[in-house]
Amino acid sequence: MLAEILPIIAAMEHKEYAFRPRPSLAGPERCSRQMVFHGMGVPRSPLPGRAVLVFDDSSWHEELTADWLRKTAYKFHSQQMPIQCRAPMGKGLIDGIITDIEGVDRLFEHKAVSHFSFGRLWEGPLPMDYLTQVAIYLSGLQQINPEIEEGILLVKNKNTAQYVEYRCRYEWDTLGVVEIVNSQGEHKEVNGVIPGIYQQAIDKFDDVLDHIGRKALPKRPYEQTDWHCEYCGWFGECWKNYQEEFDDLSVEAVLEDGVNGMCVRYKELGEIIKGLDDEKEILRKALMDEMKEADARKARAGEFIITRSLQTSKRIDKELIPPDILSKAEIESSFEKLTVRKGK
């Protein structure tokens, strides 16, 4: 009974906040169109109770990490200290400051993410939304204490308690990511430099506020099937009239001359891939025939080992499902298909 009631209570207790430009929304990956919907007061789909619980977990993970930090030689202080941000942002709240044994202060910013998101951090691109927030906070801190030059972005895997740490340096609206360290003690020098990171955030908010004032929507930055859209509370509102929008798109546009070369290469690659797929299928059939002729499901051919495996798949027989139930279970989504052909 508790497993059932807790998500319900979480959904009932959740309160939506009014839109305002804030550091946590400033990154380039955050959907501007989503923010415009929010700013115009368009109702979002109710947040499921389980999602509320997941978000609440993140704040408690921050407290757990802070508790462990206090057991180290670092001094952890200034939790939730307000920082003045540049317009149109107001104040932000930092997670804290850490002071090492030599007395050097660094900004501390903590994030707790799912196992899926965490897996992309070490080998994937830099988490620009988080790093933008770090840059904004470092800029604000330097107005109070110019000697604070560095920040630590610490990201925790909520499933495994592993960490990835980004050591950053901020100066003159440029954020430098010095190195990345993980819980296994591996260090990766990045020397990544992100110029104009704060100004890009300001420009983004100015554009969002301009669209809100004009009651106009910016272009969608993501495809309908992207996970950003899948988890967005304004998904239905955003895509509900897309067929009409698509039908109104121009059919007489002329692109730059350089695009012609892209089309030529696109067609060439299509022919190459088709030829390779056809050749691969011929070889697959020939190899399968050899295995059948030898009455084998595993055989050696020189340096290679060939294996036949029996696999099964399941499908749903829609004829056995009542139409009213089937219609409720079906999810319709659209995707855009690209075709390149020579014109007349």
C-alpha atoms as a PDB file:
ATOM      1  CA  MET A   1       0.000   0.000   0.000  1.00  0.00           C
ATOM      2  CA  LEU A   2       2.942   2.383   0.656  1.00  0.00           C
ATOM      3  CA  ALA A   3       4.476   1.759  -2.766  1.00  0.00           C
ATOM      4  CA  GLU A   4       1.203   2.860  -4.331  1.00  0.00           C
ATOM      5  CA  ILE A   5       0.433   5.877  -2.180  1.00  0.00           C
ATOM      6  CA  LEU A   6       3.850   7.605  -2.034  1.00  0.00           C
ATOM      7  CA  PRO A   7       3.974   8.618  -5.729  1.00  0.00           C
ATOM      8  CA  ILE A   8       0.380   9.856  -5.442  1.00  0.00           C
ATOM      9  CA  ILE A   9       1.263  12.050  -2.457  1.00  0.00           C
ATOM     10  CA  ALA A  10       4.354  13.352  -4.271  1.00  0.00           C
ATOM     11  CA  ALA A  11       2.258  14.356  -7.275  1.00  0.00           C
ATOM     12  CA  MET A  12      -0.269  16.113  -5.031  1.00  0.00           C
ATOM     13  CA  GLU A  13       2.437  18.007  -3.123  1.00  0.00           C
ATOM     14  CA  HIS A  14       4.344  19.145  -6.213  1.00  0.00           C
ATOM     15  CA  LYS A  15       4.014  22.849  -7.001  1.00  0.00           C
ATOM     16  CA  GLU A  16       4.988  24.426 -10.294  1.00  0.00           C
ATOM     17  CA  TYR A  17       7.243  27.471 -10.071  1.00  0.00           C
ATOM     18  CA  ALA A  18       6.763  30.602 -12.151  1.00  0.00           C
ATOM     19  CA  PHE A  19       9.239  31.048 -14.984  1.00  0.00           C
ATOM     20  CA  ARG A  20      12.174  33.359 -14.533  1.00  0.00           C
ATOM     21  CA  PRO A  21      15.652  33.316 -16.054  1.00  0.00           C
ATOM     22  CA  ARG A  22      17.825  31.361 -13.650  1.00  0.00           C
ATOM     23  CA  PRO A  23      21.315  29.798 -13.855  1.00  0.00           C
ATOM     24  CA  SER A  24      19.962  26.237 -13.948  1.00  0.00           C
ATOM     25  CA  LEU A  25      18.143  27.054 -17.215  1.00  0.00           C
ATOM     26  CA  ALA A  26      20.986  28.981 -18.864  1.00  0.00           C
ATOM     27  CA  GLY A  27      22.790  26.195 -20.718  1.00  0.00           C
ATOM     28  CA  PRO A  28      22.658  25.649 -24.490  1.00  0.00           C
ATOM     29  CA  GLU A  29      21.054  22.203 -24.191  1.00  0.00           C
ATOM     30  CA  ARG A  30      17.974  23.553 -22.407  1.00  0.00           C
ATOM     31  CA  CYS A  31      15.085  23.906 -24.879  1.00  0.00           C
ATOM     32  CA  SER A  32      14.238  27.583 -25.497  1.00  0.00           C
ATOM     33  CA  ARG A  33      10.812  26.638 -26.822  1.00  0.00           C
ATOM     34  CA  GLN A  34      10.048  24.874 -23.539  1.00  0.00           C
ATOM     35  CA  MET A  35      10.994  28.012 -21.609  1.00  0.00           C
ATOM     36  CA  VAL A  36       8.771  30.168 -23.824  1.00  0.00           C
ATOM     37  CA  PHE A  37       5.787  27.878 -23.154  1.00  0.00           C
ATOM     38  CA  HIS A  38       6.549  28.151 -19.450  1.00  0.00           C
ATOM     39  CA  GLY A  39       6.961  31.915 -19.605  1.00  0.00           C
ATOM     40  CA  MET A  40       3.680  32.376 -21.477  1.00  0.00           C
ATOM     41  CA  GLY A  41       1.860  30.426 -18.788  1.00  0.00           C
ATOM     42  CA  VAL A  42       0.910  27.502 -21.026  1.00  0.00           C
ATOM     43  CA  PRO A  43      -0.088  24.624 -18.699  1.00  0.00           C
ATOM     44  CA  ARG A  44       2.242  21.653 -18.768  1.00  0.00           C
ATOM     45  CA  SER A  45       1.225  18.051 -18.354  1.00  0.00           C
ATOM     46  CA  PRO A  46       1.076  17.091 -14.677  1.00  0.00           C
ATOM     47  CA  LEU A  47       4.400  15.756 -13.472  1.00  0.00           C
ATOM     48  CA  PRO A  48       4.074  12.070 -12.495  1.00  0.00           C
ATOM     49  CA  GLY A  49       4.576  11.386  -8.820  1.00  0.00           C
ATOM     50  CA  ARG A  50       7.514   9.086  -9.498  1.00  0.00           C
ATOM     51  CA  ALA A  51       9.287  11.909 -11.368  1.00  0.00           C
ATOM     52  CA  VAL A  52       8.752  14.197  -8.371  1.00  0.00           C
ATOM     53  CA  LEU A  53      10.366  11.569  -6.162  1.00  0.00           C
ATOM     54  CA  VAL A  54      13.320  11.261  -8.544  1.00  0.00           C
ATOM     55  CA  PHE A  55      13.910  15.034  -8.504  1.00  0.00           C
ATOM     56  CA  ASP A  56      13.631  15.077  -4.727  1.00  0.00           C
ATOM     57  CA  ASP A  57      16.229  12.307  -4.557  1.00  0.00           C
ATOM     58  CA  SER A  58      18.774  14.584  -6.233  1.00  0.00           C
ATOM     59  CA  SER A  59      18.669  17.173  -3.453  1.00  0.00           C
ATOM     60  CA  TRP A  60      19.130  14.464  -0.820  1.00  0.00           C
ATOM     61  CA  HIS A  61      22.105  13.039  -2.715  1.00  0.00           C
ATOM     62  CA  GLU A  62      23.648  16.503  -2.489  1.00  0.00           C
ATOM     63  CA  GLU A  63      23.205  16.418   1.296  1.00  0.00           C
ATOM     64  CA  LEU A  64      24.745  12.942   1.483  1.00  0.00           C
ATOM     65  CA  THR A  65      27.791  14.066  -0.506  1.00  0.00           C
ATOM     66  CA  ALA A  66      28.105  17.185   1.660  1.00  0.00           C
ATOM     67  CA  ASP A  67      28.093  15.012   4.773  1.00  0.00           C
ATOM     68  CA  TRP A  68      30.959  12.927   3.419  1.00  0.00           C
ATOM     69  CA  LEU A  69      32.844  16.085   2.390  1.00  0.00           C
ATOM     70  CA  ARG A  70      32.780  17.273   5.997  1.00  0.00           C
ATOM     71  CA  LYS A  71      34.679  14.128   6.968  1.00  0.00           C
ATOM     72  CA  THR A  72      37.596  15.045   4.679  1.00  0.00           C
ATOM     73  CA  ALA A  73      40.393  17.580   5.111  1.00  0.00           C
ATOM     74  CA  TYR A  74      38.392  20.046   3.025  1.00  0.00           C
ATOM     75  CA  LYS A  75      36.341  22.706   4.751  1.00  0.00           C
ATOM     76  CA  PHE A  76      32.866  22.835   3.241  1.00  0.00           C
ATOM     77  CA  HIS A  77      30.904  26.035   3.809  1.00  0.00           C
ATOM     78  CA  SER A  78      28.687  28.748   2.301  1.00  0.00           C
ATOM     79  CA  GLN A  79      25.924  26.305   1.341  1.00  0.00           C
ATOM     80  CA  GLN A  80      23.048  27.921  -0.567  1.00  0.00           C
ATOM     81  CA  MET A  81      24.747  31.299  -0.463  1.00  0.00           C
ATOM     82  CA  PRO A  82      22.989  33.783  -2.793  1.00  0.00           C
ATOM     83  CA  ILE A  83      24.988  35.041  -5.765  1.00  0.00           C
ATOM     84  CA  GLN A  84      24.052  38.070  -7.852  1.00  0.00           C
ATOM     85  CA  CYS A  85      23.818  37.215 -11.549  1.00  0.00           C
ATOM     86  CA  ARG A  86      23.764  39.514 -14.553  1.00  0.00           C
ATOM     87  CA  ALA A  87      20.428  40.665 -15.954  1.00  0.00           C
ATOM     88  CA  PRO A  88      17.997  39.280 -16.904  1.00  0.00           C
ATOM     89  CA  MET A  89      18.884  36.709 -14.247  1.00  0.00           C
ATOM     90  CA  GLY A  90      18.422  37.654 -10.628  1.00  0.00           C
ATOM     91  CA  LYS A  91      20.017  35.807  -7.754  1.00  0.00           C
ATOM     92  CA  GLY A  92      21.261  32.239  -7.807  1.00  0.00           C
ATOM     93  CA  LEU A  93      22.120  29.911  -4.946  1.00  0.00           C
ATOM     94  CA  ILE A  94      25.455  28.107  -4.990  1.00  0.00           C
ATOM     95  CA  ASP A  95      25.775  24.607  -3.550  1.00  0.00           C
ATOM     96  CA  GLY A  96      28.779  25.719  -1.535  1.00  0.00           C
ATOM     97  CA  ILE A  97      32.489  26.508  -1.343  1.00  0.00           C
ATOM     98  CA  ILE A  98      35.290  24.105  -0.470  1.00  0.00           C
ATOM     99  CA  THR A  99      38.562  25.267   1.073  1.00  0.00           C
ATOM    100  CA  ASP A 100      41.613  22.997   0.815  1.00  0.00           C
ATOM    101  CA  ILE A 101      44.377  22.601   3.404  1.00  0.00           C
ATOM    102  CA  GLU A 102      46.342  25.426   1.770  1.00  0.00           C
ATOM    103  CA  GLY A 103      43.411  27.815   2.197  1.00  0.00           C
ATOM    104  CA  VAL A 104      42.407  27.927  -1.476  1.00  0.00           C
ATOM    105  CA  ASP A 105      38.675  28.415  -2.018  1.00  0.00           C
ATOM    106  CA  ARG A 106      36.813  26.769  -4.898  1.00  0.00           C
ATOM    107  CA  LEU A 107      33.186  26.822  -5.931  1.00  0.00           C
ATOM    108  CA  PHE A 108      31.454  23.487  -5.323  1.00  0.00           C
ATOM    109  CA  GLU A 109      28.546  22.503  -7.569  1.00  0.00           C
ATOM    110  CA  HIS A 110      26.857  19.110  -7.153  1.00  0.00           C
ATOM    111  CA  LYS A 111      24.638  17.155  -9.527  1.00  0.00           C
ATOM    112  CA  ALA A 112      23.068  13.719  -9.119  1.00  0.00           C
ATOM    113  CA  VAL A 113      22.021  11.902 -12.275  1.00  0.00           C
ATOM    114  CA  SER A 114      20.681   8.554 -13.450  1.00  0.00           C
ATOM    115  CA  HIS A 115      22.930   5.685 -14.508  1.00  0.00           C
ATOM    116  CA  PHE A 116      22.035   6.373 -18.159  1.00  0.00           C
ATOM    117  CA  SER A 117      23.096  10.034 -17.975  1.00  0.00           C
ATOM    118  CA  PHE A 118      26.195   9.244 -15.934  1.00  0.00           C
ATOM    119  CA  GLY A 119      27.457   6.741 -18.495  1.00  0.00           C
ATOM    120  CA  ARG A 120      27.871   9.485 -21.091  1.00  0.00           C
ATOM    121  CA  LEU A 121      30.012  11.790 -18.957  1.00  0.00           C
ATOM    122  CA  TRP A 122      33.479  10.230 -19.118  1.00  0.00           C
ATOM    123  CA  GLU A 123      33.639   9.529 -22.847  1.00  0.00           C
ATOM    124  CA  GLY A 124      30.906  11.866 -24.064  1.00  0.00           C
ATOM    125  CA  PRO A 125      30.799  15.607 -24.723  1.00  0.00           C
ATOM    126  CA  LEU A 126      31.148  18.111 -21.917  1.00  0.00           C
ATOM    127  CA  PRO A 127      27.924  18.683 -19.913  1.00  0.00           C
ATOM    128  CA  MET A 128      27.420  22.237 -21.150  1.00  0.00           C
ATOM    129  CA  ASP A 129      24.290  23.001 -19.117  1.00  0.00           C
ATOM    130  CA  TYR A 130      26.056  22.178 -15.859  1.00  0.00           C
ATOM    131  CA  LEU A 131      29.250  23.972 -16.884  1.00  0.00           C
ATOM    132  CA  THR A 132      27.313  27.102 -17.852  1.00  0.00           C
ATOM    133  CA  GLN A 133      25.846  27.175 -14.362  1.00  0.00           C
ATOM    134  CA  VAL A 134      29.360  26.820 -12.913  1.00  0.00           C
ATOM    135  CA  ALA A 135      30.580  29.747 -15.024  1.00  0.00           C
ATOM    136  CA  ILE A 136      27.703  31.970 -13.891  1.00  0.00           C
ATOM    137  CA  TYR A 137      28.313  31.156 -10.234  1.00  0.00           C
ATOM    138  CA  LEU A 138      32.080  31.668 -10.530  1.00  0.00           C
ATOM    139  CA  SER A 139      31.496  35.058 -12.109  1.00  0.00           C
ATOM    140  CA  GLY A 140      29.196  36.024  -9.236  1.00  0.00           C
ATOM    141  CA  LEU A 141      31.609  34.719  -6.606  1.00  0.00           C
ATOM    142  CA  GLN A 142      34.463  36.714  -8.121  1.00  0.00           C
ATOM    143  CA  GLN A 143      32.483  39.904  -7.475  1.00  0.00           C
ATOM    144  CA  ILE A 144      32.672  38.987  -3.776  1.00  0.00           C
ATOM    145  CA  ASN A 145      36.110  37.372  -3.707  1.00  0.00           C
ATOM    146  CA  PRO A 146      38.255  37.890  -6.835  1.00  0.00           C
ATOM    147  CA  GLU A 147      40.689  35.209  -5.630  1.00  0.00           C
ATOM    148  CA  ILE A 148      38.187  32.409  -6.310  1.00  0.00           C
ATOM    149  CA  GLU A 149      39.263  31.309  -9.769  1.00  0.00           C
ATOM    150  CA  GLU A 150      38.315  27.645  -9.841  1.00  0.00           C
ATOM    151  CA  GLY A 151      35.221  25.526  -9.415  1.00  0.00           C
ATOM    152  CA  ILE A 152      34.531  21.822  -8.976  1.00  0.00           C
ATOM    153  CA  LEU A 153      31.529  20.289 -10.712  1.00  0.00           C
ATOM    154  CA  LEU A 154      30.921  16.949  -8.988  1.00  0.00           C
ATOM    155  CA  VAL A 155      28.405  14.625 -10.646  1.00  0.00           C
ATOM    156  CA  LYS A 156      27.136  11.571  -8.766  1.00  0.00           C
ATOM    157  CA  ASN A 157      25.673   8.385 -10.198  1.00  0.00           C
ATOM    158  CA  LYS A 158      22.527   7.888  -8.112  1.00  0.00           C
ATOM    159  CA  ASN A 159      22.546   4.147  -8.848  1.00  0.00           C
ATOM    160  CA  THR A 160      26.168   3.256  -8.070  1.00  0.00           C
ATOM    161  CA  ALA A 161      27.469   6.211  -5.973  1.00  0.00           C
ATOM    162  CA  GLN A 162      30.299   6.762  -8.473  1.00  0.00           C
ATOM    163  CA  TYR A 163      31.509  10.289  -9.109  1.00  0.00           C
ATOM    164  CA  VAL A 164      32.917  12.275 -12.005  1.00  0.00           C
ATOM    165  CA  GLU A 165      34.589  15.586 -11.195  1.00  0.00           C
ATOM    166  CA  TYR A 166      35.224  18.496 -13.556  1.00  0.00           C
ATOM    167  CA  ARG A 167      37.827  21.013 -12.384  1.00  0.00           C
ATOM    168  CA  CYS A 168      37.165  24.354 -14.021  1.00  0.00           C
ATOM    169  CA  ARG A 169      38.784  27.781 -14.165  1.00  0.00           C
ATOM    170  CA  TYR A 170      36.868  30.961 -15.050  1.00  0.00           C
ATOM    171  CA  GLU A 171      38.294  34.263 -16.283  1.00  0.00           C
ATOM    172  CA  TRP A 172      36.997  37.016 -18.578  1.00  0.00           C
ATOM    173  CA  ASP A 173      33.844  35.127 -19.607  1.00  0.00           C
ATOM    174  CA  THR A 174      35.891  32.093 -20.567  1.00  0.00           C
ATOM    175  CA  LEU A 175      35.522  28.761 -18.795  1.00  0.00           C
ATOM    176  CA  GLY A 176      38.415  26.369 -18.997  1.00  0.00           C
ATOM    177  CA  VAL A 177      37.851  22.707 -18.124  1.00  0.00           C
ATOM    178  CA  VAL A 178      41.255  21.688 -16.783  1.00  0.00           C
ATOM    179  CA  GLU A 179      40.726  17.990 -16.063  1.00  0.00           C
ATOM    180  CA  ILE A 180      38.164  15.292 -15.362  1.00  0.00           C
ATOM    181  CA  VAL A 181      38.591  12.752 -12.552  1.00  0.00           C
ATOM    182  CA  ASN A 182      36.458   9.695 -11.789  1.00  0.00           C
ATOM    183  CA  SER A 183      35.991   7.500  -8.728  1.00  0.00           C
ATOM    184  CA  GLN A 184      38.494   4.939 -10.052  1.00  0.00           C
ATOM    185  CA  GLY A 185      41.220   7.564  -9.746  1.00  0.00           C
ATOM    186  CA  GLU A 186      41.537   8.052 -13.486  1.00  0.00           C
ATOM    187  CA  HIS A 187      42.542  11.551 -14.592  1.00  0.00           C
ATOM    188  CA  LYS A 188      41.840  12.978 -18.011  1.00  0.00           C
ATOM    189  CA  GLU A 189      43.382  16.270 -19.088  1.00  0.00           C
ATOM    190  CA  VAL A 190      40.897  18.192 -21.175  1.00  0.00           C
ATOM    191  CA  ASN A 191      42.206  21.726 -21.597  1.00  0.00           C
ATOM    192  CA  GLY A 192      38.815  22.578 -23.059  1.00  0.00           C
ATOM    193  CA  VAL A 193      38.191  26.296 -23.424  1.00  0.00           C
ATOM    194  CA  ILE A 194      34.656  27.664 -23.738  1.00  0.00           C
ATOM    195  CA  PRO A 195      34.771  31.379 -24.607  1.00  0.00           C
ATOM    196  CA  GLY A 196      31.782  33.683 -24.142  1.00  0.00           C
ATOM    197  CA  ILE A 197      29.913  31.108 -22.056  1.00  0.00           C
ATOM    198  CA  TYR A 198      28.163  33.649 -19.816  1.00  0.00           C
ATOM    199  CA  GLN A 199      27.262  35.995 -22.672  1.00  0.00           C
ATOM    200  CA  GLN A 200      25.742  33.109 -24.614  1.00  0.00           C
ATOM    201  CA  ALA A 201      23.473  32.435 -21.634  1.00  0.00           C
ATOM    202  CA  ILE A 202      22.436  36.109 -21.486  1.00  0.00           C
ATOM    203  CA  ASP A 203      21.733  36.140 -25.224  1.00  0.00           C
ATOM    204  CA  LYS A 204      19.622  33.015 -24.887  1.00  0.00           C
ATOM    205  CA  PHE A 205      17.482  34.484 -22.113  1.00  0.00           C
ATOM    206  CA  ASP A 206      17.078  37.751 -24.039  1.00  0.00           C
ATOM    207  CA  ASP A 207      15.813  35.765 -27.013  1.00  0.00           C
ATOM    208  CA  VAL A 208      13.429  33.726 -24.829  1.00  0.00           C
ATOM    209  CA  LEU A 209      12.024  36.855 -23.170  1.00  0.00           C
ATOM    210  CA  ASP A 210      11.608  38.489 -26.574  1.00  0.00           C
ATOM    211  CA  HIS A 211       9.578  35.506 -27.820  1.00  0.00           C
ATOM    212  CA  ILE A 212       7.479  35.533 -24.642  1.00  0.00           C
ATOM    213  CA  GLY A 213       6.761  39.240 -25.109  1.00  0.00           C
ATOM    214  CA  ARG A 214       5.731  38.711 -28.736  1.00  0.00           C
ATOM    215  CA  LYS A 215       3.831  35.516 -27.887  1.00  0.00           C
ATOM    216  CA  ALA A 216       5.840  33.761 -30.586  1.00  0.00           C
ATOM    217  CA  LEU A 217       7.529  30.367 -30.473  1.00  0.00           C
ATOM    218  CA  PRO A 218      11.174  29.741 -31.458  1.00  0.00           C
ATOM    219  CA  LYS A 219      12.059  26.811 -33.667  1.00  0.00           C
ATOM    220  CA  ARG A 220      12.214  23.363 -32.123  1.00  0.00           C
ATOM    221  CA  PRO A 221      15.817  22.391 -31.308  1.00  0.00           C
ATOM    222  CA  TYR A 222      15.065  18.657 -31.092  1.00  0.00           C
ATOM    223  CA  GLU A 223      13.333  15.992 -33.140  1.00  0.00           C
ATOM    224  CA  GLN A 224       9.998  14.629 -31.934  1.00  0.00           C
ATOM    225  CA  THR A 225      11.615  11.289 -31.059  1.00  0.00           C
ATOM    226  CA  ASP A 226      14.453  12.853 -29.019  1.00  0.00           C
ATOM    227  CA  TRP A 227      14.536  12.116 -25.293  1.00  0.00           C
ATOM    228  CA  HIS A 228      14.393  15.847 -24.545  1.00  0.00           C
ATOM    229  CA  CYS A 229      10.927  15.918 -26.095  1.00  0.00           C
ATOM    230  CA  GLU A 230       9.894  12.601 -24.616  1.00  0.00           C
ATOM    231  CA  TYR A 231      10.320  13.903 -21.061  1.00  0.00           C
ATOM    232  CA  CYS A 232       9.013  17.417 -21.698  1.00  0.00           C
ATOM    233  CA  GLY A 233       5.771  18.466 -20.018  1.00  0.00           C
ATOM    234  CA  TRP A 234       4.857  20.602 -23.049  1.00  0.00           C
ATOM    235  CA  PHE A 235       5.387  17.802 -25.588  1.00  0.00           C
ATOM    236  CA  GLY A 236       1.715  17.560 -26.550  1.00  0.00           C
ATOM    237  CA  GLU A 237       1.278  21.322 -26.840  1.00  0.00           C
ATOM    238  CA  CYS A 238       4.496  21.725 -28.797  1.00  0.00           C
ATOM    239  CA  TRP A 239       3.806  19.098 -31.455  1.00  0.00           C
ATOM    240  CA  LYS A 240       0.010  19.084 -31.699  1.00  0.00           C
ATOM    241  CA  ASN A 241      -0.179  21.213 -34.866  1.00  0.00           C
ATOM    242  CA  TYR A 242       3.007  20.031 -36.506  1.00  0.00           C
ATOM    243  CA  GLN A 243       1.267  18.404 -39.474  1.00  0.00           C
ATOM    244  CA  GLU A 244      -0.313  21.747 -40.387  1.00  0.00           C
ATOM    245  CA  GLU A 245       3.023  23.521 -39.880  1.00  0.00           C
ATOM    246  CA  PHE A 246       4.765  20.957 -42.053  1.00  0.00           C
ATOM    247  CA  ASP A 247       2.188  21.300 -44.824  1.00  0.00           C
ATOM    248  CA  ASP A 248       2.768  25.078 -44.865  1.00  0.00           C
ATOM    249  CA  LEU A 249       6.533  24.773 -45.385  1.00  0.00           C
ATOM    250  CA  SER A 250       7.972  26.094 -48.626  1.00  0.00           C
ATOM    251  CA  VAL A 251       8.307  23.784 -51.625  1.00  0.00           C
ATOM    252  CA  GLU A 252      10.180  26.349 -53.733  1.00  0.00           C
ATOM    253  CA  ALA A 253      13.246  27.052 -51.584  1.00  0.00           C
ATOM    254  CA  VAL A 254      16.676  27.300 -53.262  1.00  0.00           C
ATOM    255  CA  LEU A 255      19.673  26.325 -51.129  1.00  0.00           C
ATOM    256  CA  GLU A 256      23.272  27.510 -51.404  1.00  0.00           C
ATOM    257  CA  ASP A 257      25.468  26.139 -54.175  1.00  0.00           C
ATOM    258  CA  GLY A 258      27.607  24.170 -51.732  1.00  0.00           C
ATOM    259  CA  VAL A 259      24.626  22.006 -50.755  1.00  0.00           C
ATOM    260  CA  ASN A 260      24.707  20.465 -54.244  1.00  0.00           C
ATOM    261  CA  GLY A 261      28.026  18.813 -53.397  1.00  0.00           C
ATOM    262  CA  MET A 262      26.508  17.388 -50.240  1.00  0.00           C
ATOM    263  CA  CYS A 263      23.675  15.898 -52.298  1.00  0.00           C
ATOM    264  CA  VAL A 264      26.136  14.303 -54.738  1.00  0.00           C
ATOM    265  CA  ARG A 265      28.048  12.670 -51.902  1.00  0.00           C
ATOM    266  CA  TYR A 266      24.823  11.612 -50.156  1.00  0.00           C
ATOM    267  CA  LYS A 267      23.689   9.780 -53.293  1.00  0.00           C
ATOM    268  CA  GLU A 268      27.127   8.219 -53.784  1.00  0.00           C
ATOM    269  CA  LEU A 269      27.173   6.892 -50.213  1.00  0.00           C
ATOM    270  CA  GLY A 270      23.660   5.525 -50.649  1.00  0.00           C
ATOM    271  CA  GLU A 271      24.737   3.512 -53.678  1.00  0.00           C
ATOM    272  CA  ILE A 272      27.900   2.288 -51.914  1.00  0.00           C
ATOM    273  CA  ILE A 273      25.962   1.182 -48.822  1.00  0.00           C
ATOM    274  CA  LYS A 274      23.299  -0.543 -50.927  1.00  0.00           C
ATOM    275  CA  GLY A 275      25.987  -2.392 -52.878  1.00  0.00           C
ATOM    276  CA  LEU A 276      27.746  -3.459 -49.685  1.00  0.00           C
ATOM    277  CA  ASP A 277      24.471  -4.610 -48.109  1.00  0.00           C
ATOM    278  CA  ASP A 278      23.664  -6.681 -51.205  1.00  0.00           C
ATOM    279  CA  GLU A 279      27.147  -8.218 -51.223  1.00  0.00           C
ATOM    280  CA  LYS A 280      26.955  -8.926 -47.491  1.00  0.00           C
ATOM    281  CA  GLU A 281      23.614 -10.700 -47.898  1.00  0.00           C
ATOM    282  CA  ILE A 282      25.012 -12.882 -50.724  1.00  0.00           C
ATOM    283  CA  LEU A 283      27.955 -13.864 -48.522  1.00  0.00           C
ATOM    284  CA  ARG A 284      25.675 -14.502 -45.530  1.00  0.00           C
ATOM    285  CA  LYS A 285      23.531 -16.884 -47.593  1.00  0.00           C
ATOM    286  CA  ALA A 286      26.600 -18.665 -49.006  1.00  0.00           C
ATOM    287  CA  LEU A 287      28.095 -19.137 -45.528  1.00  0.00           C
ATOM    288  CA  MET A 288      24.788 -20.393 -44.178  1.00  0.00           C
ATOM    289  CA  ASP A 289      24.570 -22.909 -47.018  1.00  0.00           C
ATOM    290  CA  GLU A 290      28.080 -24.167 -46.185  1.00  0.00           C
ATOM    291  CA  MET A 291      27.102 -24.634 -42.531  1.00  0.00           C
ATOM    292  CA  LYS A 292      23.924 -26.465 -43.466  1.00  0.00           C
ATOM    293  CA  GLU A 293      25.818 -28.700 -45.860  1.00  0.00           C
ATOM    294  CA  ALA A 294      28.231 -29.597 -43.037  1.00  0.00           C
ATOM    295  CA  ASP A 295      25.357 -30.207 -40.574  1.00  0.00           C
ATOM    296  CA  ALA A 296      27.150 -27.825 -38.218  1.00  0.00           C
ATOM    297  CA  ARG A 297      26.148 -25.037 -35.913  1.00  0.00           C
ATOM    298  CA  LYS A 298      29.764 -24.136 -35.098  1.00  0.00           C
ATOM    299  CA  ALA A 299      32.705 -24.565 -37.427  1.00  0.00           C
ATOM    300  CA  ARG A 300      36.201 -23.247 -38.086  1.00  0.00           C
ATOM    301  CA  ALA A 301      37.265 -21.661 -41.369  1.00  0.00           C
ATOM    302  CA  GLY A 302      40.959 -20.796 -41.209  1.00  0.00           C
ATOM    303  CA  GLU A 303      41.341 -18.128 -38.525  1.00  0.00           C
ATOM    304  CA  PHE A 304      37.557 -17.608 -38.191  1.00  0.00           C
ATOM    305  CA  ILE A 305      34.902 -19.414 -36.170  1.00  0.00           C
ATOM    306  CA  ILE A 306      31.425 -19.472 -37.713  1.00  0.00           C
ATOM    307  CA  THR A 307      28.406 -20.018 -35.493  1.00  0.00           C
ATOM    308  CA  ARG A 308      24.763 -20.611 -36.309  1.00  0.00           C
ATOM    309  CA  SER A 309      22.446 -19.643 -33.475  1.00  0.00           C
ATOM    310  CA  LEU A 310      18.723 -20.186 -33.138  1.00  0.00           C
ATOM    311  CA  GLN A 311      16.940 -17.051 -32.004  1.00  0.00           C
ATOM    312  CA  THR A 312      13.297 -16.395 -31.287  1.00  0.00           C
ATOM    313  CA  SER A 313      11.245 -13.235 -31.405  1.00  0.00           C
ATOM    314  CA  LYS A 314       7.852 -12.359 -30.101  1.00  0.00           C
ATOM    315  CA  ARG A 315       5.185 -10.243 -31.666  1.00  0.00           C
ATOM    316  CA  ILE A 316       1.739  -9.226 -30.575  1.00  0.00           C
ATOM    317  CA  ASP A 317      -1.172 -10.606 -32.558  1.00  0.00           C
ATOM    318  CA  LYS A 318      -3.396  -7.541 -32.760  1.00  0.00           C
ATOM    319  CA  GLU A 319      -6.313  -9.692 -33.915  1.00  0.00           C
ATOM    320  CA  LEU A 320      -6.541 -11.121 -30.399  1.00  0.00           C
ATOM    321  CA  ILE A 321      -6.769  -7.703 -28.706  1.00  0.00           C
ATOM    322  CA  PRO A 322     -10.168  -5.960 -28.384  1.00  0.00           C
ATOM    323  CA  PRO A 323     -10.188  -2.784 -30.532  1.00  0.00           C
ATOM    324  CA  ASP A 324     -10.939  -0.448 -27.611  1.00  0.00           C
ATOM    325  CA  ILE A 325      -7.921  -1.719 -25.661  1.00  0.00           C
ATOM    326  CA  LEU A 326      -5.684  -1.700 -28.746  1.00  0.00           C
ATOM    327  CA  SER A 327      -6.532   1.923 -29.531  1.00  0.00           C
ATOM    328  CA  LYS A 328      -5.555   2.992 -26.008  1.00  0.00           C
ATOM    329  CA  ALA A 329      -2.255   1.102 -26.180  1.00  0.00           C
ATOM    330  CA  GLU A 330      -1.153   2.484 -29.541  1.00  0.00           C
ATOM    331  CA  ILE A 331       1.240   5.439 -29.467  1.00  0.00           C
ATOM    332  CA  GLU A 332       1.547   7.508 -32.608  1.00  0.00           C
ATOM    333  CA  SER A 333       4.719   9.427 -33.379  1.00  0.00           C
ATOM    334  CA  SER A 334       6.064  10.951 -36.534  1.00  0.00           C
ATOM    335  CA  PHE A 335       9.533  11.314 -37.987  1.00  0.00           C
ATOM    336  CA  GLU A 336      10.890  13.175 -40.982  1.00  0.00           C
ATOM    337  CA  LYS A 337      12.232  11.252 -43.959  1.00  0.00           C
ATOM    338  CA  LEU A 338      14.843  12.807 -46.249  1.00  0.00           C
ATOM    339  CA  THR A 339      14.883  11.989 -49.974  1.00  0.00           C
ATOM    340  CA  VAL A 340      17.485  13.280 -52.425  1.00  0.00           C
ATOM    341  CA  ARG A 341      16.900  12.857 -56.166  1.00  0.00           C
ATOM    342  CA  LYS A 342      17.892  14.641 -59.334  1.00  0.00           C
ATOM    343  CA  GLY A 343      15.436  17.249 -60.524  1.00  0.00           C
ATOM    344  CA  LYS A 344      14.124  17.501 -64.062  1.00  0.00           C
END
